[in-house]
Amino acid sequence: MDELVDLSVRKVEPDGSIPDDISITELAEDVVRGKRKLSQPQMRMLIELLPYYAPKLTAVAVGWQKGEDFYTRLDKAVSASEKAKVVKLIEAQVIEHEE
């Protein structure tokens, strides 16, 4: 055995194409770990696509600072939207002008 083969390193395609059976997140992981090399345009595309395939999931709590629960805030929002639906009429009288 003249040469040892590292099976953890994936083969880089000679034409620079990315195989169809690999997901975007798996591809990004391989690039980070040094298992796969990408061309500059492929790397830019990966950077742009990654947030859509693996978005950050965060939550923000607002009501606990004001002592309100979710139901209270939802009820206020519903009542505010119902008030916005009410059509306001302009009460006016017609003034006739004679020449």
N, C-alpha and C. Protein backbone atom coordinates (compact mmCIF):
# COMPACT_ATOMS: atom_id res chain seq x y z
N MET A 1 0.83 -1.18 0.00
CA MET A 1 0.00 0.00 0.00
C MET A 1 0.88 1.25 0.00
N ASP A 2 0.99 1.83 -1.13
CA ASP A 2 1.80 3.02 -1.26
C ASP A 2 1.07 4.27 -0.75
N GLU A 3 -0.23 4.23 -0.86
CA GLU A 3 -0.98 5.45 -0.57
C GLU A 3 -2.24 5.09 0.21
N LEU A 4 -2.54 5.87 1.22
CA LEU A 4 -3.77 5.69 1.99
C LEU A 4 -4.85 6.60 1.42
N VAL A 5 -6.07 6.11 1.41
CA VAL A 5 -7.18 6.89 0.88
C VAL A 5 -8.08 7.32 2.03
N ASP A 6 -8.35 8.61 2.11
CA ASP A 6 -9.25 9.13 3.13
C ASP A 6 -10.67 9.10 2.57
N LEU A 7 -11.50 8.22 3.10
CA LEU A 7 -12.86 8.06 2.59
C LEU A 7 -13.81 9.16 3.04
N SER A 8 -13.40 9.96 4.01
CA SER A 8 -14.28 11.04 4.48
C SER A 8 -14.28 12.23 3.51
N VAL A 9 -13.25 12.32 2.67
CA VAL A 9 -13.17 13.41 1.71
C VAL A 9 -13.94 13.01 0.47
N ARG A 10 -14.88 13.86 0.09
CA ARG A 10 -15.66 13.57 -1.11
C ARG A 10 -14.91 14.02 -2.34
N LYS A 11 -15.17 13.34 -3.40
CA LYS A 11 -14.49 13.60 -4.65
C LYS A 11 -15.04 14.88 -5.29
N VAL A 12 -14.16 15.74 -5.74
CA VAL A 12 -14.57 16.95 -6.45
C VAL A 12 -14.78 16.56 -7.91
N GLU A 13 -15.96 16.93 -8.40
CA GLU A 13 -16.27 16.60 -9.79
C GLU A 13 -15.34 17.36 -10.73
N PRO A 14 -14.83 16.71 -11.76
CA PRO A 14 -13.88 17.37 -12.66
C PRO A 14 -14.50 18.54 -13.43
N ASP A 15 -15.78 18.45 -13.74
CA ASP A 15 -16.41 19.54 -14.49
C ASP A 15 -16.93 20.64 -13.58
N GLY A 16 -16.76 20.50 -12.27
CA GLY A 16 -17.17 21.53 -11.33
C GLY A 16 -18.64 21.48 -10.95
N SER A 17 -19.35 20.44 -11.39
CA SER A 17 -20.77 20.37 -11.08
C SER A 17 -20.98 19.81 -9.67
N ILE A 18 -22.14 20.12 -9.11
CA ILE A 18 -22.50 19.63 -7.78
C ILE A 18 -23.51 18.50 -7.98
N PRO A 19 -23.31 17.36 -7.36
CA PRO A 19 -24.25 16.24 -7.54
C PRO A 19 -25.67 16.59 -7.07
N ASP A 20 -26.65 15.98 -7.70
CA ASP A 20 -28.05 16.26 -7.38
C ASP A 20 -28.49 15.64 -6.06
N ASP A 21 -27.79 14.63 -5.59
CA ASP A 21 -28.23 13.91 -4.39
C ASP A 21 -27.76 14.57 -3.09
N ILE A 22 -27.16 15.74 -3.15
CA ILE A 22 -26.67 16.42 -1.96
C ILE A 22 -27.51 17.67 -1.71
N SER A 23 -27.92 17.87 -0.45
CA SER A 23 -28.74 19.04 -0.12
C SER A 23 -27.85 20.27 0.05
N ILE A 24 -28.50 21.44 0.04
CA ILE A 24 -27.75 22.69 0.18
C ILE A 24 -27.07 22.76 1.54
N THR A 25 -27.78 22.34 2.58
CA THR A 25 -27.18 22.39 3.92
C THR A 25 -26.02 21.41 4.05
N GLU A 26 -26.15 20.25 3.44
CA GLU A 26 -25.07 19.26 3.47
C GLU A 26 -23.86 19.77 2.67
N LEU A 27 -24.14 20.44 1.55
CA LEU A 27 -23.07 21.02 0.74
C LEU A 27 -22.32 22.09 1.54
N ALA A 28 -23.07 22.94 2.25
CA ALA A 28 -22.43 23.99 3.05
C ALA A 28 -21.58 23.37 4.16
N GLU A 29 -22.08 22.31 4.77
CA GLU A 29 -21.33 21.63 5.82
C GLU A 29 -20.03 21.04 5.26
N ASP A 30 -20.12 20.45 4.07
CA ASP A 30 -18.92 19.87 3.44
C ASP A 30 -17.88 20.95 3.13
N VAL A 31 -18.35 22.11 2.67
CA VAL A 31 -17.43 23.20 2.34
C VAL A 31 -16.75 23.69 3.61
N VAL A 32 -17.53 23.85 4.68
CA VAL A 32 -16.96 24.33 5.94
C VAL A 32 -15.93 23.36 6.48
N ARG A 33 -16.20 22.08 6.36
CA ARG A 33 -15.29 21.06 6.89
C ARG A 33 -14.12 20.77 5.95
N GLY A 34 -14.10 21.39 4.78
CA GLY A 34 -12.99 21.19 3.85
C GLY A 34 -13.11 19.92 3.03
N LYS A 35 -14.27 19.32 2.99
CA LYS A 35 -14.46 18.08 2.23
C LYS A 35 -14.79 18.34 0.77
N ARG A 36 -15.15 19.57 0.43
CA ARG A 36 -15.54 19.88 -0.94
C ARG A 36 -15.08 21.30 -1.28
N LYS A 37 -14.61 21.47 -2.48
CA LYS A 37 -14.19 22.78 -2.97
C LYS A 37 -15.22 23.26 -4.00
N LEU A 38 -15.57 24.54 -3.91
CA LEU A 38 -16.51 25.13 -4.88
C LEU A 38 -15.81 26.25 -5.63
N SER A 39 -16.33 26.51 -6.83
CA SER A 39 -15.80 27.64 -7.58
C SER A 39 -16.36 28.93 -6.95
N GLN A 40 -15.82 30.05 -7.34
CA GLN A 40 -16.25 31.33 -6.78
C GLN A 40 -17.73 31.60 -7.04
N PRO A 41 -18.25 31.41 -8.25
CA PRO A 41 -19.69 31.63 -8.47
C PRO A 41 -20.57 30.66 -7.66
N GLN A 42 -20.13 29.41 -7.55
CA GLN A 42 -20.89 28.45 -6.75
C GLN A 42 -20.91 28.84 -5.28
N MET A 43 -19.79 29.35 -4.79
CA MET A 43 -19.71 29.78 -3.40
C MET A 43 -20.62 30.97 -3.15
N ARG A 44 -20.65 31.93 -4.06
CA ARG A 44 -21.54 33.08 -3.91
C ARG A 44 -23.00 32.64 -3.91
N MET A 45 -23.33 31.70 -4.80
CA MET A 45 -24.70 31.19 -4.88
C MET A 45 -25.07 30.46 -3.59
N LEU A 46 -24.17 29.69 -3.05
CA LEU A 46 -24.41 28.97 -1.80
C LEU A 46 -24.67 29.95 -0.66
N ILE A 47 -23.87 31.01 -0.60
CA ILE A 47 -24.06 32.02 0.44
C ILE A 47 -25.43 32.68 0.33
N GLU A 48 -25.88 32.93 -0.89
CA GLU A 48 -27.18 33.57 -1.10
C GLU A 48 -28.34 32.62 -0.83
N LEU A 49 -28.19 31.35 -1.17
CA LEU A 49 -29.29 30.39 -1.02
C LEU A 49 -29.45 29.84 0.39
N LEU A 50 -28.37 29.78 1.13
CA LEU A 50 -28.39 29.12 2.44
C LEU A 50 -29.44 29.69 3.40
N PRO A 51 -29.65 31.00 3.50
CA PRO A 51 -30.69 31.49 4.42
C PRO A 51 -32.10 31.02 4.08
N TYR A 52 -32.35 30.67 2.81
CA TYR A 52 -33.68 30.20 2.42
C TYR A 52 -33.87 28.71 2.71
N TYR A 53 -32.79 27.97 2.71
CA TYR A 53 -32.87 26.53 2.97
C TYR A 53 -32.70 26.19 4.45
N ALA A 54 -32.01 27.04 5.19
CA ALA A 54 -31.80 26.82 6.62
C ALA A 54 -31.97 28.14 7.35
N PRO A 55 -33.22 28.64 7.46
CA PRO A 55 -33.41 29.95 8.10
C PRO A 55 -33.18 29.89 9.60
N LYS A 56 -32.81 31.03 10.16
CA LYS A 56 -32.69 31.12 11.61
C LYS A 56 -34.08 31.23 12.19
N LEU A 57 -34.34 30.48 13.22
CA LEU A 57 -35.62 30.54 13.88
C LEU A 57 -35.45 31.23 15.22
N THR A 58 -36.08 32.40 15.35
CA THR A 58 -35.99 33.15 16.60
C THR A 58 -37.37 33.58 17.03
N ALA A 59 -37.52 33.84 18.29
CA ALA A 59 -38.79 34.32 18.82
C ALA A 59 -38.51 35.51 19.72
N VAL A 60 -39.44 36.45 19.70
CA VAL A 60 -39.29 37.64 20.51
C VAL A 60 -40.50 37.76 21.42
N ALA A 61 -40.26 37.92 22.70
CA ALA A 61 -41.35 38.10 23.66
C ALA A 61 -41.47 39.57 24.00
N VAL A 62 -42.65 40.13 23.76
CA VAL A 62 -42.87 41.55 23.99
C VAL A 62 -43.80 41.77 25.17
N GLY A 63 -44.85 40.96 25.27
CA GLY A 63 -45.89 41.20 26.25
C GLY A 63 -45.47 41.04 27.68
N TRP A 64 -44.47 40.24 27.96
CA TRP A 64 -44.10 40.00 29.35
C TRP A 64 -43.54 41.24 30.01
N GLN A 65 -43.00 42.17 29.22
CA GLN A 65 -42.47 43.40 29.80
C GLN A 65 -43.58 44.32 30.28
N LYS A 66 -44.72 44.25 29.64
CA LYS A 66 -45.85 45.11 30.00
C LYS A 66 -46.86 44.40 30.88
N GLY A 67 -46.63 43.14 31.17
CA GLY A 67 -47.55 42.40 32.01
C GLY A 67 -48.79 41.93 31.27
N GLU A 68 -48.72 41.87 29.94
CA GLU A 68 -49.87 41.44 29.14
C GLU A 68 -49.61 40.03 28.62
N ASP A 69 -50.67 39.28 28.51
CA ASP A 69 -50.53 37.95 27.93
C ASP A 69 -50.93 38.00 26.45
N PHE A 70 -50.79 36.90 25.78
CA PHE A 70 -51.06 36.84 24.35
C PHE A 70 -52.52 37.15 24.04
N TYR A 71 -53.43 36.63 24.87
CA TYR A 71 -54.86 36.84 24.62
C TYR A 71 -55.21 38.33 24.67
N THR A 72 -54.68 39.05 25.65
CA THR A 72 -54.97 40.47 25.78
C THR A 72 -54.49 41.25 24.57
N ARG A 73 -53.27 40.96 24.14
CA ARG A 73 -52.73 41.65 22.97
C ARG A 73 -53.50 41.31 21.70
N LEU A 74 -53.89 40.04 21.55
CA LEU A 74 -54.66 39.63 20.38
C LEU A 74 -56.03 40.30 20.38
N ASP A 75 -56.67 40.38 21.55
CA ASP A 75 -57.98 41.01 21.67
C ASP A 75 -57.90 42.49 21.30
N LYS A 76 -56.85 43.18 21.73
CA LYS A 76 -56.67 44.59 21.37
C LYS A 76 -56.48 44.75 19.86
N ALA A 77 -55.72 43.86 19.28
CA ALA A 77 -55.46 43.94 17.84
C ALA A 77 -56.73 43.69 17.04
N VAL A 78 -57.54 42.73 17.48
CA VAL A 78 -58.80 42.43 16.78
C VAL A 78 -59.76 43.62 16.89
N SER A 79 -59.88 44.19 18.07
CA SER A 79 -60.79 45.33 18.24
C SER A 79 -60.31 46.54 17.44
N ALA A 80 -59.01 46.74 17.36
CA ALA A 80 -58.47 47.85 16.56
C ALA A 80 -58.75 47.63 15.08
N SER A 81 -58.66 46.40 14.61
CA SER A 81 -58.93 46.14 13.19
C SER A 81 -60.42 46.26 12.89
N GLU A 82 -61.28 45.93 13.85
CA GLU A 82 -62.72 46.10 13.64
C GLU A 82 -63.10 47.57 13.60
N LYS A 83 -62.44 48.38 14.40
CA LYS A 83 -62.70 49.82 14.38
C LYS A 83 -62.29 50.42 13.05
N ALA A 84 -61.24 49.89 12.46
CA ALA A 84 -60.76 50.41 11.18
C ALA A 84 -61.72 50.07 10.04
N LYS A 85 -62.53 49.03 10.21
CA LYS A 85 -63.47 48.63 9.16
C LYS A 85 -64.71 49.52 9.11
N VAL A 86 -65.01 50.19 10.21
CA VAL A 86 -66.20 51.04 10.27
C VAL A 86 -66.00 52.22 9.34
N VAL A 87 -66.98 52.43 8.47
CA VAL A 87 -66.91 53.51 7.50
C VAL A 87 -67.37 54.80 8.17
N LYS A 88 -66.55 55.80 8.09
CA LYS A 88 -66.90 57.08 8.66
C LYS A 88 -67.57 57.92 7.59
N LEU A 89 -68.76 58.40 7.92
CA LEU A 89 -69.51 59.22 6.98
C LEU A 89 -69.32 60.69 7.33
N ILE A 90 -69.25 61.48 6.33
CA ILE A 90 -69.15 62.92 6.54
C ILE A 90 -70.58 63.46 6.58
N GLU A 91 -70.95 64.04 7.71
CA GLU A 91 -72.28 64.61 7.83
C GLU A 91 -72.21 66.06 7.36
N ALA A 92 -72.95 66.34 6.33
CA ALA A 92 -72.95 67.69 5.78
C ALA A 92 -74.31 67.99 5.18
N GLN A 93 -74.56 69.24 4.99
CA GLN A 93 -75.80 69.64 4.34
C GLN A 93 -75.45 70.34 3.03
N VAL A 94 -76.36 70.20 2.11
CA VAL A 94 -76.15 70.80 0.82
C VAL A 94 -76.53 72.28 0.92
N ILE A 95 -75.67 73.12 0.49
CA ILE A 95 -75.96 74.56 0.46
C ILE A 95 -76.20 74.94 -1.00
N GLU A 96 -77.39 75.42 -1.21
CA GLU A 96 -77.72 75.80 -2.59
C GLU A 96 -77.35 77.26 -2.79
N HIS A 97 -76.73 77.49 -3.88
CA HIS A 97 -76.28 78.84 -4.19
C HIS A 97 -77.08 79.32 -5.38
N GLU A 98 -77.76 80.44 -5.17
CA GLU A 98 -78.55 81.03 -6.27
C GLU A 98 -77.81 82.20 -6.85
N GLU A 99 -77.81 82.29 -8.16
CA GLU A 99 -77.14 83.40 -8.81
C GLU A 99 -78.09 84.49 -9.17
